[in-house]
C-alpha cells in the first residue's frame, strides 16, 4: 500500500512540475498577440483600400525570425472593381516585449 501512495505522490509532483515548466498561459499570450497584430493589419488594409470591400481574412501564422524577432502574417481578400486580389500583411515584432518592428503590405496573385 505504501508503494502505491508513493507512486501517486511521485506522479502528482511530476504533473505539478510540468505545469510550472510548460504553462498553458503561453497559448493565451500568443492569442492576444495575434489579436493585437491582427487589429493593426486590418487597420492598414482598410487605410490602403478605403473604397474596396474586404471579403475574407485569414491568419497565416507565426514564424520565428531570430531569438529576438517573430513575424505574424495575415491574408486578406479585397474586391476591387469586381476583381478579387489577395493582400498579405506581414508584421515583425520583438519576442521579448511584442514591440512593433516593421510592417509590409503586398498584393499576391489570387
PDB file of N, CA and C in Angstrom:
ATOM      1  N   UNK A   1       0.810  -1.188   0.000  1.00  0.00           N
ATOM      2  CA  UNK A   1       0.000   0.000   0.000  1.00  0.00           C
ATOM      3  C   UNK A   1       0.861   1.262   0.000  1.00  0.00           C
ATOM      4  N   UNK A   2       1.988   1.206   0.723  1.00  0.00           N
ATOM      5  CA  UNK A   2       2.864   2.372   0.776  1.00  0.00           C
ATOM      6  C   UNK A   2       3.473   2.665  -0.592  1.00  0.00           C
ATOM      7  N   UNK A   3       3.765   1.626  -1.373  1.00  0.00           N
ATOM      8  CA  UNK A   3       4.338   1.837  -2.706  1.00  0.00           C
ATOM      9  C   UNK A   3       3.331   2.537  -3.616  1.00  0.00           C
ATOM     10  N   UNK A   4       2.075   2.188  -3.492  1.00  0.00           N
ATOM     11  CA  UNK A   4       1.043   2.823  -4.324  1.00  0.00           C
ATOM     12  C   UNK A   4       0.921   4.310  -3.974  1.00  0.00           C
ATOM     13  N   UNK A   5       0.924   4.622  -2.691  1.00  0.00           N
ATOM     14  CA  UNK A   5       0.843   6.013  -2.236  1.00  0.00           C
ATOM     15  C   UNK A   5       2.056   6.808  -2.706  1.00  0.00           C
ATOM     16  N   UNK A   6       3.204   6.168  -2.636  1.00  0.00           N
ATOM     17  CA  UNK A   6       4.431   6.812  -3.084  1.00  0.00           C
ATOM     18  C   UNK A   6       4.382   7.064  -4.593  1.00  0.00           C
ATOM     19  N   UNK A   7       3.867   6.110  -5.356  1.00  0.00           N
ATOM     20  CA  UNK A   7       3.731   6.270  -6.811  1.00  0.00           C
ATOM     21  C   UNK A   7       2.794   7.415  -7.143  1.00  0.00           C
ATOM     22  N   UNK A   8       1.675   7.490  -6.449  1.00  0.00           N
ATOM     23  CA  UNK A   8       0.703   8.578  -6.676  1.00  0.00           C
ATOM     24  C   UNK A   8       1.343   9.919  -6.348  1.00  0.00           C
ATOM     25  N   UNK A   9       2.098   9.977  -5.254  1.00  0.00           N
ATOM     26  CA  UNK A   9       2.777  11.208  -4.872  1.00  0.00           C
ATOM     27  C   UNK A   9       3.790  11.630  -5.932  1.00  0.00           C
ATOM     28  N   UNK A  10       4.565  10.688  -6.439  1.00  0.00           N
ATOM     29  CA  UNK A  10       5.574  10.985  -7.468  1.00  0.00           C
ATOM     30  C   UNK A  10       4.908  11.495  -8.745  1.00  0.00           C
ATOM     31  N   UNK A  11       3.833  10.853  -9.164  1.00  0.00           N
ATOM     32  CA  UNK A  11       3.117  11.287 -10.367  1.00  0.00           C
ATOM     33  C   UNK A  11       2.541  12.688 -10.163  1.00  0.00           C
ATOM     34  N   UNK A  12       1.960  12.944  -8.994  1.00  0.00           N
ATOM     35  CA  UNK A  12       1.372  14.262  -8.697  1.00  0.00           C
ATOM     36  C   UNK A  12       2.426  15.357  -8.736  1.00  0.00           C
ATOM     37  N   UNK A  13       3.564  15.081  -8.111  1.00  0.00           N
ATOM     38  CA  UNK A  13       4.653  16.068  -8.097  1.00  0.00           C
ATOM     39  C   UNK A  13       5.166  16.312  -9.515  1.00  0.00           C
ATOM     40  N   UNK A  14       5.295  15.254 -10.302  1.00  0.00           N
ATOM     41  CA  UNK A  14       5.756  15.383 -11.687  1.00  0.00           C
ATOM     42  C   UNK A  14       4.797  16.242 -12.504  1.00  0.00           C
ATOM     43  N   UNK A  15       3.500  16.007 -12.335  1.00  0.00           N
ATOM     44  CA  UNK A  15       2.499  16.797 -13.062  1.00  0.00           C
ATOM     45  C   UNK A  15       2.576  18.264 -12.656  1.00  0.00           C
ATOM     46  N   UNK A  16       2.728  18.538 -11.379  1.00  0.00           N
ATOM     47  CA  UNK A  16       2.845  19.926 -10.915  1.00  0.00           C
ATOM     48  C   UNK A  16       4.094  20.605 -11.479  1.00  0.00           C
ATOM     49  N   UNK A  17       5.202  19.885 -11.468  1.00  0.00           N
ATOM     50  CA  UNK A  17       6.441  20.459 -12.010  1.00  0.00           C
ATOM     51  C   UNK A  17       6.272  20.772 -13.496  1.00  0.00           C
ATOM     52  N   UNK A  18       5.673  19.855 -14.237  1.00  0.00           N
ATOM     53  CA  UNK A  18       5.460  20.087 -15.669  1.00  0.00           C
ATOM     54  C   UNK A  18       4.520  21.258 -15.903  1.00  0.00           C
ATOM     55  N   UNK A  19       3.517  21.418 -15.062  1.00  0.00           N
ATOM     56  CA  UNK A  19       2.581  22.536 -15.201  1.00  0.00           C
ATOM     57  C   UNK A  19       3.298  23.868 -15.041  1.00  0.00           C
ATOM     58  N   UNK A  20       4.266  23.916 -14.125  1.00  0.00           N
ATOM     59  CA  UNK A  20       5.019  25.150 -13.947  1.00  0.00           C
ATOM     60  C   UNK A  20       6.069  25.360 -15.033  1.00  0.00           C
ATOM     61  N   UNK A  21       6.627  24.280 -15.553  1.00  0.00           N
ATOM     62  CA  UNK A  21       7.651  24.399 -16.593  1.00  0.00           C
ATOM     63  C   UNK A  21       7.046  24.746 -17.945  1.00  0.00           C
ATOM     64  N   UNK A  22       5.853  24.253 -18.238  1.00  0.00           N
ATOM     65  CA  UNK A  22       5.207  24.452 -19.530  1.00  0.00           C
ATOM     66  C   UNK A  22       3.823  25.053 -19.313  1.00  0.00           C
ATOM     67  N   UNK A  23       3.755  26.326 -18.925  1.00  0.00           N
ATOM     68  CA  UNK A  23       2.459  26.919 -18.603  1.00  0.00           C
ATOM     69  C   UNK A  23       1.574  27.066 -19.833  1.00  0.00           C
ATOM     70  N   UNK A  24       0.297  26.835 -19.639  1.00  0.00           N
ATOM     71  CA  UNK A  24      -0.661  26.955 -20.742  1.00  0.00           C
ATOM     72  C   UNK A  24      -0.984  28.404 -21.047  1.00  0.00           C
ATOM     73  N   UNK A  25      -0.600  29.321 -20.162  1.00  0.00           N
ATOM     74  CA  UNK A  25      -0.882  30.729 -20.434  1.00  0.00           C
ATOM     75  C   UNK A  25      -0.110  31.225 -21.654  1.00  0.00           C
ATOM     76  N   UNK A  26       0.924  30.501 -22.053  1.00  0.00           N
ATOM     77  CA  UNK A  26       1.685  30.864 -23.240  1.00  0.00           C
ATOM     78  C   UNK A  26       0.797  30.891 -24.475  1.00  0.00           C
ATOM     79  N   UNK A  27      -0.139  29.951 -24.564  1.00  0.00           N
ATOM     80  CA  UNK A  27      -1.084  29.908 -25.674  1.00  0.00           C
ATOM     81  C   UNK A  27      -1.979  31.138 -25.624  1.00  0.00           C
ATOM     82  N   UNK A  28      -2.433  31.502 -24.429  1.00  0.00           N
ATOM     83  CA  UNK A  28      -3.298  32.681 -24.278  1.00  0.00           C
ATOM     84  C   UNK A  28      -2.541  33.949 -24.654  1.00  0.00           C
ATOM     85  N   UNK A  29      -1.277  34.036 -24.263  1.00  0.00           N
ATOM     86  CA  UNK A  29      -0.466  35.210 -24.607  1.00  0.00           C
ATOM     87  C   UNK A  29      -0.299  35.309 -26.114  1.00  0.00           C
ATOM     88  N   UNK A  30      -0.018  34.190 -26.796  1.00  0.00           N
ATOM     89  CA  UNK A  30       0.144  34.214 -28.240  1.00  0.00           C
ATOM     90  C   UNK A  30      -1.164  34.632 -28.919  1.00  0.00           C
ATOM     91  N   UNK A  31      -2.303  34.181 -28.379  1.00  0.00           N
ATOM     92  CA  UNK A  31      -3.585  34.564 -28.967  1.00  0.00           C
ATOM     93  C   UNK A  31      -3.801  36.067 -28.824  1.00  0.00           C
ATOM     94  N   UNK A  32      -3.430  36.647 -27.678  1.00  0.00           N
ATOM     95  CA  UNK A  32      -3.562  38.090 -27.503  1.00  0.00           C
ATOM     96  C   UNK A  32      -2.672  38.835 -28.488  1.00  0.00           C
ATOM     97  N   UNK A  33      -1.427  38.335 -28.678  1.00  0.00           N
ATOM     98  CA  UNK A  33      -0.517  38.940 -29.646  1.00  0.00           C
ATOM     99  C   UNK A  33      -1.129  38.889 -31.039  1.00  0.00           C
ATOM    100  N   UNK A  34      -1.658  37.739 -31.391  1.00  0.00           N
ATOM    101  CA  UNK A  34      -2.278  37.552 -32.706  1.00  0.00           C
ATOM    102  C   UNK A  34      -3.408  38.553 -32.896  1.00  0.00           C
ATOM    103  N   UNK A  35      -4.225  38.747 -31.875  1.00  0.00           N
ATOM    104  CA  UNK A  35      -5.333  39.700 -31.977  1.00  0.00           C
ATOM    105  C   UNK A  35      -4.805  41.127 -32.089  1.00  0.00           C
ATOM    106  N   UNK A  36      -3.765  41.438 -31.321  1.00  0.00           N
ATOM    107  CA  UNK A  36      -3.182  42.780 -31.354  1.00  0.00           C
ATOM    108  C   UNK A  36      -2.645  43.090 -32.746  1.00  0.00           C
ATOM    109  N   UNK A  37      -1.836  42.204 -33.289  1.00  0.00           N
ATOM    110  CA  UNK A  37      -1.247  42.457 -34.598  1.00  0.00           C
ATOM    111  C   UNK A  37      -2.265  42.269 -35.718  1.00  0.00           C
ATOM    112  N   UNK A  38      -3.274  41.437 -35.499  1.00  0.00           N
ATOM    113  CA  UNK A  38      -4.367  41.301 -36.462  1.00  0.00           C
ATOM    114  C   UNK A  38      -5.150  42.598 -36.588  1.00  0.00           C
ATOM    115  N   UNK A  39      -5.365  43.274 -35.466  1.00  0.00           N
ATOM    116  CA  UNK A  39      -6.059  44.571 -35.486  1.00  0.00           C
ATOM    117  C   UNK A  39      -5.263  45.603 -36.274  1.00  0.00           C
ATOM    118  N   UNK A  40      -3.955  45.575 -36.099  1.00  0.00           N
ATOM    119  CA  UNK A  40      -3.092  46.502 -36.849  1.00  0.00           C
ATOM    120  C   UNK A  40      -3.189  46.187 -38.338  1.00  0.00           C
ATOM    121  N   UNK A  41      -3.134  44.904 -38.705  1.00  0.00           N
ATOM    122  CA  UNK A  41      -3.204  44.506 -40.115  1.00  0.00           C
ATOM    123  C   UNK A  41      -4.534  44.935 -40.740  1.00  0.00           C
ATOM    124  N   UNK A  42      -5.635  44.738 -40.024  1.00  0.00           N
ATOM    125  CA  UNK A  42      -6.952  45.144 -40.533  1.00  0.00           C
ATOM    126  C   UNK A  42      -6.999  46.646 -40.762  1.00  0.00           C
ATOM    127  N   UNK A  43      -6.493  47.420 -39.806  1.00  0.00           N
ATOM    128  CA  UNK A  43      -6.492  48.878 -39.939  1.00  0.00           C
ATOM    129  C   UNK A  43      -5.681  49.329 -41.155  1.00  0.00           C
ATOM    130  N   UNK A  44      -4.550  48.678 -41.383  1.00  0.00           N
ATOM    131  CA  UNK A  44      -3.695  49.048 -42.518  1.00  0.00           C
ATOM    132  C   UNK A  44      -4.395  48.729 -43.838  1.00  0.00           C
ATOM    133  N   UNK A  45      -5.017  47.568 -43.943  1.00  0.00           N
ATOM    134  CA  UNK A  45      -5.712  47.195 -45.183  1.00  0.00           C
ATOM    135  C   UNK A  45      -6.881  48.149 -45.445  1.00  0.00           C
ATOM    136  N   UNK A  46      -7.619  48.496 -44.398  1.00  0.00           N
ATOM    137  CA  UNK A  46      -8.731  49.442 -44.566  1.00  0.00           C
ATOM    138  C   UNK A  46      -8.225  50.811 -45.008  1.00  0.00           C
ATOM    139  N   UNK A  47      -7.065  51.214 -44.504  1.00  0.00           N
ATOM    140  CA  UNK A  47      -6.491  52.505 -44.897  1.00  0.00           C
ATOM    141  C   UNK A  47      -5.964  52.464 -46.327  1.00  0.00           C
ATOM    142  N   UNK A  48      -5.364  51.345 -46.726  1.00  0.00           N
ATOM    143  CA  UNK A  48      -4.801  51.222 -48.077  1.00  0.00           C
ATOM    144  C   UNK A  48      -5.874  51.002 -49.139  1.00  0.00           C
ATOM    145  N   UNK A  49      -7.005  50.418 -48.753  1.00  0.00           N
ATOM    146  CA  UNK A  49      -8.086  50.129 -49.703  1.00  0.00           C
ATOM    147  C   UNK A  49      -9.408  50.670 -49.128  1.00  0.00           C
ATOM    148  N   UNK A  50      -9.509  51.995 -48.996  1.00  0.00           N
ATOM    149  CA  UNK A  50     -10.679  52.569 -48.312  1.00  0.00           C
ATOM    150  C   UNK A  50     -12.008  52.379 -49.063  1.00  0.00           C
ATOM    151  N   UNK A  51     -11.980  52.322 -50.361  1.00  0.00           N
ATOM    152  CA  UNK A  51     -13.212  52.213 -51.142  1.00  0.00           C
ATOM    153  C   UNK A  51     -13.588  50.773 -51.476  1.00  0.00           C
ATOM    154  N   UNK A  52     -12.692  49.835 -51.220  1.00  0.00           N
ATOM    155  CA  UNK A  52     -12.929  48.445 -51.578  1.00  0.00           C
ATOM    156  C   UNK A  52     -13.436  47.658 -50.375  1.00  0.00           C
ATOM    157  N   UNK A  53     -14.109  46.542 -50.672  1.00  0.00           N
ATOM    158  CA  UNK A  53     -14.592  45.712 -49.573  1.00  0.00           C
ATOM    159  C   UNK A  53     -13.631  44.554 -49.338  1.00  0.00           C
ATOM    160  N   UNK A  54     -13.403  44.278 -48.074  1.00  0.00           N
ATOM    161  CA  UNK A  54     -12.575  43.143 -47.685  1.00  0.00           C
ATOM    162  C   UNK A  54     -13.534  41.975 -47.490  1.00  0.00           C
ATOM    163  N   UNK A  55     -13.374  40.934 -48.317  1.00  0.00           N
ATOM    164  CA  UNK A  55     -14.334  39.835 -48.294  1.00  0.00           C
ATOM    165  C   UNK A  55     -13.863  38.629 -47.486  1.00  0.00           C
ATOM    166  N   UNK A  56     -12.571  38.567 -47.158  1.00  0.00           N
ATOM    167  CA  UNK A  56     -12.078  37.429 -46.394  1.00  0.00           C
ATOM    168  C   UNK A  56     -10.819  37.828 -45.638  1.00  0.00           C
ATOM    169  N   UNK A  57     -10.581  37.153 -44.524  1.00  0.00           N
ATOM    170  CA  UNK A  57      -9.437  37.435 -43.661  1.00  0.00           C
ATOM    171  C   UNK A  57      -8.955  36.113 -43.089  1.00  0.00           C
ATOM    172  N   UNK A  58      -7.637  35.906 -43.100  1.00  0.00           N
ATOM    173  CA  UNK A  58      -7.096  34.648 -42.588  1.00  0.00           C
ATOM    174  C   UNK A  58      -5.741  34.894 -41.932  1.00  0.00           C
ATOM    175  N   UNK A  59      -5.560  34.317 -40.764  1.00  0.00           N
ATOM    176  CA  UNK A  59      -4.278  34.368 -40.078  1.00  0.00           C
ATOM    177  C   UNK A  59      -3.412  33.266 -40.654  1.00  0.00           C
ATOM    178  N   UNK A  60      -2.266  33.611 -41.223  1.00  0.00           N
ATOM    179  CA  UNK A  60      -1.392  32.636 -41.862  1.00  0.00           C
ATOM    180  C   UNK A  60      -0.410  31.988 -40.895  1.00  0.00           C
ATOM    181  N   UNK A  61      -0.202  32.614 -39.749  1.00  0.00           N
ATOM    182  CA  UNK A  61       0.659  32.003 -38.750  1.00  0.00           C
ATOM    183  C   UNK A  61       1.824  32.874 -38.322  1.00  0.00           C
ATOM    184  N   UNK A  62       2.628  32.289 -37.454  1.00  0.00           N
ATOM    185  CA  UNK A  62       3.775  32.993 -36.874  1.00  0.00           C
ATOM    186  C   UNK A  62       5.054  32.238 -37.187  1.00  0.00           C
ATOM    187  N   UNK A  63       6.099  33.005 -37.547  1.00  0.00           N
ATOM    188  CA  UNK A  63       7.425  32.441 -37.785  1.00  0.00           C
ATOM    189  C   UNK A  63       8.411  33.090 -36.825  1.00  0.00           C
ATOM    190  N   UNK A  64       9.353  32.300 -36.374  1.00  0.00           N
ATOM    191  CA  UNK A  64      10.429  32.837 -35.546  1.00  0.00           C
ATOM    192  C   UNK A  64      11.541  33.276 -36.486  1.00  0.00           C
ATOM    193  N   UNK A  65      11.833  34.557 -36.513  1.00  0.00           N
ATOM    194  CA  UNK A  65      12.860  35.119 -37.399  1.00  0.00           C
ATOM    195  C   UNK A  65      14.237  34.988 -36.750  1.00  0.00           C
ATOM    196  N   UNK A  66      14.315  35.316 -35.474  1.00  0.00           N
ATOM    197  CA  UNK A  66      15.559  35.187 -34.708  1.00  0.00           C
ATOM    198  C   UNK A  66      15.169  35.010 -33.246  1.00  0.00           C
ATOM    199  N   UNK A  67      16.165  34.998 -32.370  1.00  0.00           N
ATOM    200  CA  UNK A  67      15.875  34.845 -30.943  1.00  0.00           C
ATOM    201  C   UNK A  67      15.085  36.045 -30.409  1.00  0.00           C
ATOM    202  N   UNK A  68      15.226  37.190 -31.073  1.00  0.00           N
ATOM    203  CA  UNK A  68      14.564  38.405 -30.606  1.00  0.00           C
ATOM    204  C   UNK A  68      13.375  38.840 -31.470  1.00  0.00           C
ATOM    205  N   UNK A  69      13.104  38.145 -32.570  1.00  0.00           N
ATOM    206  CA  UNK A  69      12.095  38.644 -33.509  1.00  0.00           C
ATOM    207  C   UNK A  69      11.186  37.532 -34.036  1.00  0.00           C
ATOM    208  N   UNK A  70       9.892  37.865 -34.119  1.00  0.00           N
ATOM    209  CA  UNK A  70       8.903  36.964 -34.696  1.00  0.00           C
ATOM    210  C   UNK A  70       8.134  37.704 -35.779  1.00  0.00           C
ATOM    211  N   UNK A  71       7.451  36.925 -36.625  1.00  0.00           N
ATOM    212  CA  UNK A  71       6.708  37.510 -37.745  1.00  0.00           C
ATOM    213  C   UNK A  71       5.322  36.867 -37.816  1.00  0.00           C
ATOM    214  N   UNK A  72       4.286  37.701 -37.797  1.00  0.00           N
ATOM    215  CA  UNK A  72       2.914  37.242 -37.995  1.00  0.00           C
ATOM    216  C   UNK A  72       2.474  37.668 -39.384  1.00  0.00           C
ATOM    217  N   UNK A  73       1.753  36.760 -40.086  1.00  0.00           N
ATOM    218  CA  UNK A  73       1.285  37.056 -41.441  1.00  0.00           C
ATOM    219  C   UNK A  73      -0.226  36.887 -41.505  1.00  0.00           C
ATOM    220  N   UNK A  74      -0.860  37.782 -42.272  1.00  0.00           N
ATOM    221  CA  UNK A  74      -2.297  37.788 -42.441  1.00  0.00           C
ATOM    222  C   UNK A  74      -2.617  37.932 -43.921  1.00  0.00           C
ATOM    223  N   UNK A  75      -3.657  37.249 -44.358  1.00  0.00           N
ATOM    224  CA  UNK A  75      -4.081  37.338 -45.755  1.00  0.00           C
ATOM    225  C   UNK A  75      -5.494  37.909 -45.802  1.00  0.00           C
ATOM    226  N   UNK A  76      -5.680  38.878 -46.691  1.00  0.00           N
ATOM    227  CA  UNK A  76      -6.981  39.494 -46.900  1.00  0.00           C
ATOM    228  C   UNK A  76      -7.365  39.317 -48.359  1.00  0.00           C
ATOM    229  N   UNK A  77      -8.650  39.139 -48.615  1.00  0.00           N
ATOM    230  CA  UNK A  77      -9.152  39.142 -49.984  1.00  0.00           C
ATOM    231  C   UNK A  77      -9.918  40.452 -50.132  1.00  0.00           C
ATOM    232  N   UNK A  78      -9.435  41.290 -51.057  1.00  0.00           N
ATOM    233  CA  UNK A  78     -10.023  42.598 -51.292  1.00  0.00           C
ATOM    234  C   UNK A  78     -10.683  42.585 -52.660  1.00  0.00           C
ATOM    235  N   UNK A  79     -11.906  43.056 -52.723  1.00  0.00           N
ATOM    236  CA  UNK A  79     -12.619  43.119 -54.001  1.00  0.00           C
ATOM    237  C   UNK A  79     -12.514  44.548 -54.528  1.00  0.00           C
ATOM    238  N   UNK A  80     -11.794  44.678 -55.664  1.00  0.00           N
ATOM    239  CA  UNK A  80     -11.547  45.989 -56.266  1.00  0.00           C
ATOM    240  C   UNK A  80     -12.002  45.948 -57.720  1.00  0.00           C
ATOM    241  N   UNK A  81     -12.947  46.821 -58.079  1.00  0.00           N
ATOM    242  CA  UNK A  81     -13.507  46.875 -59.440  1.00  0.00           C
ATOM    243  C   UNK A  81     -14.029  45.504 -59.882  1.00  0.00           C
ATOM    244  N   UNK A  82     -14.690  44.792 -58.974  1.00  0.00           N
ATOM    245  CA  UNK A  82     -15.271  43.499 -59.308  1.00  0.00           C
ATOM    246  C   UNK A  82     -14.285  42.345 -59.334  1.00  0.00           C
ATOM    247  N   UNK A  83     -13.012  42.620 -59.133  1.00  0.00           N
ATOM    248  CA  UNK A  83     -11.994  41.565 -59.142  1.00  0.00           C
ATOM    249  C   UNK A  83     -11.434  41.376 -57.732  1.00  0.00           C
ATOM    250  N   UNK A  84     -11.189  40.118 -57.400  1.00  0.00           N
ATOM    251  CA  UNK A  84     -10.603  39.835 -56.096  1.00  0.00           C
ATOM    252  C   UNK A  84      -9.087  39.818 -56.180  1.00  0.00           C
ATOM    253  N   UNK A  85      -8.459  40.361 -55.144  1.00  0.00           N
ATOM    254  CA  UNK A  85      -6.993  40.297 -55.054  1.00  0.00           C
ATOM    255  C   UNK A  85      -6.619  39.933 -53.628  1.00  0.00           C
ATOM    256  N   UNK A  86      -5.551  39.184 -53.515  1.00  0.00           N
ATOM    257  CA  UNK A  86      -5.029  38.810 -52.199  1.00  0.00           C
ATOM    258  C   UNK A  86      -4.042  39.863 -51.733  1.00  0.00           C
ATOM    259  N   UNK A  87      -4.211  40.272 -50.497  1.00  0.00           N
ATOM    260  CA  UNK A  87      -3.295  41.224 -49.882  1.00  0.00           C
ATOM    261  C   UNK A  87      -2.704  40.543 -48.653  1.00  0.00           C
ATOM    262  N   UNK A  88      -1.386  40.481 -48.614  1.00  0.00           N
ATOM    263  CA  UNK A  88      -0.674  39.854 -47.497  1.00  0.00           C
ATOM    264  C   UNK A  88      -0.052  40.959 -46.645  1.00  0.00           C
ATOM    265  N   UNK A  89      -0.329  40.909 -45.352  1.00  0.00           N
ATOM    266  CA  UNK A  89       0.267  41.848 -44.409  1.00  0.00           C
ATOM    267  C   UNK A  89       1.183  41.042 -43.496  1.00  0.00           C
ATOM    268  N   UNK A  90       2.447  41.459 -43.431  1.00  0.00           N
ATOM    269  CA  UNK A  90       3.441  40.789 -42.603  1.00  0.00           C
ATOM    270  C   UNK A  90       3.926  41.776 -41.555  1.00  0.00           C
ATOM    271  N   UNK A  91       3.837  41.370 -40.305  1.00  0.00           N
ATOM    272  CA  UNK A  91       4.234  42.249 -39.202  1.00  0.00           C
ATOM    273  C   UNK A  91       5.353  41.567 -38.412  1.00  0.00           C
ATOM    274  N   UNK A  92       6.476  42.255 -38.300  1.00  0.00           N
ATOM    275  CA  UNK A  92       7.591  41.767 -37.486  1.00  0.00           C
ATOM    276  C   UNK A  92       7.552  42.482 -36.138  1.00  0.00           C
ATOM    277  N   UNK A  93       7.803  41.716 -35.072  1.00  0.00           N
ATOM    278  CA  UNK A  93       7.800  42.306 -33.740  1.00  0.00           C
ATOM    279  C   UNK A  93       8.812  41.592 -32.859  1.00  0.00           C
ATOM    280  N   UNK A  94       9.225  42.284 -31.781  1.00  0.00           N
ATOM    281  CA  UNK A  94      10.203  41.706 -30.855  1.00  0.00           C
ATOM    282  C   UNK A  94       9.529  40.669 -29.978  1.00  0.00           C
ATOM    283  N   UNK A  95      10.195  39.556 -29.777  1.00  0.00           N
ATOM    284  CA  UNK A  95       9.686  38.458 -28.962  1.00  0.00           C
ATOM    285  C   UNK A  95       9.570  38.872 -27.497  1.00  0.00           C
ATOM    286  N   UNK A  96      10.566  39.551 -27.016  1.00  0.00           N
ATOM    287  CA  UNK A  96      10.685  39.883 -25.606  1.00  0.00           C
ATOM    288  C   UNK A  96       9.517  40.733 -25.097  1.00  0.00           C
ATOM    289  N   UNK A  97       9.141  41.756 -25.831  1.00  0.00           N
ATOM    290  CA  UNK A  97       8.110  42.675 -25.334  1.00  0.00           C
ATOM    291  C   UNK A  97       7.006  42.957 -26.358  1.00  0.00           C
ATOM    292  N   UNK A  98       6.981  42.217 -27.473  1.00  0.00           N
ATOM    293  CA  UNK A  98       5.983  42.370 -28.533  1.00  0.00           C
ATOM    294  C   UNK A  98       5.885  43.792 -29.072  1.00  0.00           C
ATOM    295  N   UNK A  99       6.996  44.474 -29.122  1.00  0.00           N
ATOM    296  CA  UNK A  99       7.034  45.805 -29.714  1.00  0.00           C
ATOM    297  C   UNK A  99       7.122  45.672 -31.224  1.00  0.00           C
ATOM    298  N   UNK A 100       6.368  46.486 -31.908  1.00  0.00           N
ATOM    299  CA  UNK A 100       6.303  46.511 -33.353  1.00  0.00           C
ATOM    300  C   UNK A 100       7.669  46.878 -33.934  1.00  0.00           C
ATOM    301  N   UNK A 101       8.109  46.149 -34.984  1.00  0.00           N
ATOM    302  CA  UNK A 101       9.357  46.461 -35.669  1.00  0.00           C
ATOM    303  C   UNK A 101       9.075  46.976 -37.074  1.00  0.00           C
ATOM    304  N   UNK A 102       8.337  46.175 -37.860  1.00  0.00           N
ATOM    305  CA  UNK A 102       8.070  46.580 -39.245  1.00  0.00           C
ATOM    306  C   UNK A 102       6.771  45.954 -39.752  1.00  0.00           C
ATOM    307  N   UNK A 103       6.287  46.536 -40.836  1.00  0.00           N
ATOM    308  CA  UNK A 103       5.050  46.059 -41.450  1.00  0.00           C
ATOM    309  C   UNK A 103       5.208  46.143 -42.967  1.00  0.00           C
ATOM    310  N   UNK A 104       4.812  45.077 -43.663  1.00  0.00           N
ATOM    311  CA  UNK A 104       4.894  45.046 -45.126  1.00  0.00           C
ATOM    312  C   UNK A 104       3.519  44.645 -45.655  1.00  0.00           C
ATOM    313  N   UNK A 105       3.035  45.398 -46.650  1.00  0.00           N
ATOM    314  CA  UNK A 105       1.778  45.076 -47.325  1.00  0.00           C
ATOM    315  C   UNK A 105       2.118  44.793 -48.777  1.00  0.00           C
ATOM    316  N   UNK A 106       1.682  43.629 -49.267  1.00  0.00           N
ATOM    317  CA  UNK A 106       1.949  43.313 -50.662  1.00  0.00           C
ATOM    318  C   UNK A 106       0.762  42.582 -51.274  1.00  0.00           C
ATOM    319  N   UNK A 107       0.536  42.832 -52.539  1.00  0.00           N
ATOM    320  CA  UNK A 107      -0.517  42.147 -53.261  1.00  0.00           C
ATOM    321  C   UNK A 107       0.049  40.852 -53.842  1.00  0.00           C
ATOM    322  N   UNK A 108      -0.728  39.791 -53.736  1.00  0.00           N
ATOM    323  CA  UNK A 108      -0.303  38.492 -54.256  1.00  0.00           C
ATOM    324  C   UNK A 108      -1.339  38.030 -55.273  1.00  0.00           C
ATOM    325  N   UNK A 109      -0.939  37.130 -56.144  1.00  0.00           N
ATOM    326  CA  UNK A 109      -1.876  36.591 -57.127  1.00  0.00           C
ATOM    327  C   UNK A 109      -2.907  35.734 -56.409  1.00  0.00           C
ATOM    328  N   UNK A 110      -4.192  35.822 -56.847  1.00  0.00           N
ATOM    329  CA  UNK A 110      -5.244  35.026 -56.183  1.00  0.00           C
ATOM    330  C   UNK A 110      -5.084  33.544 -56.400  1.00  0.00           C
TER     331      UNK A 110
END
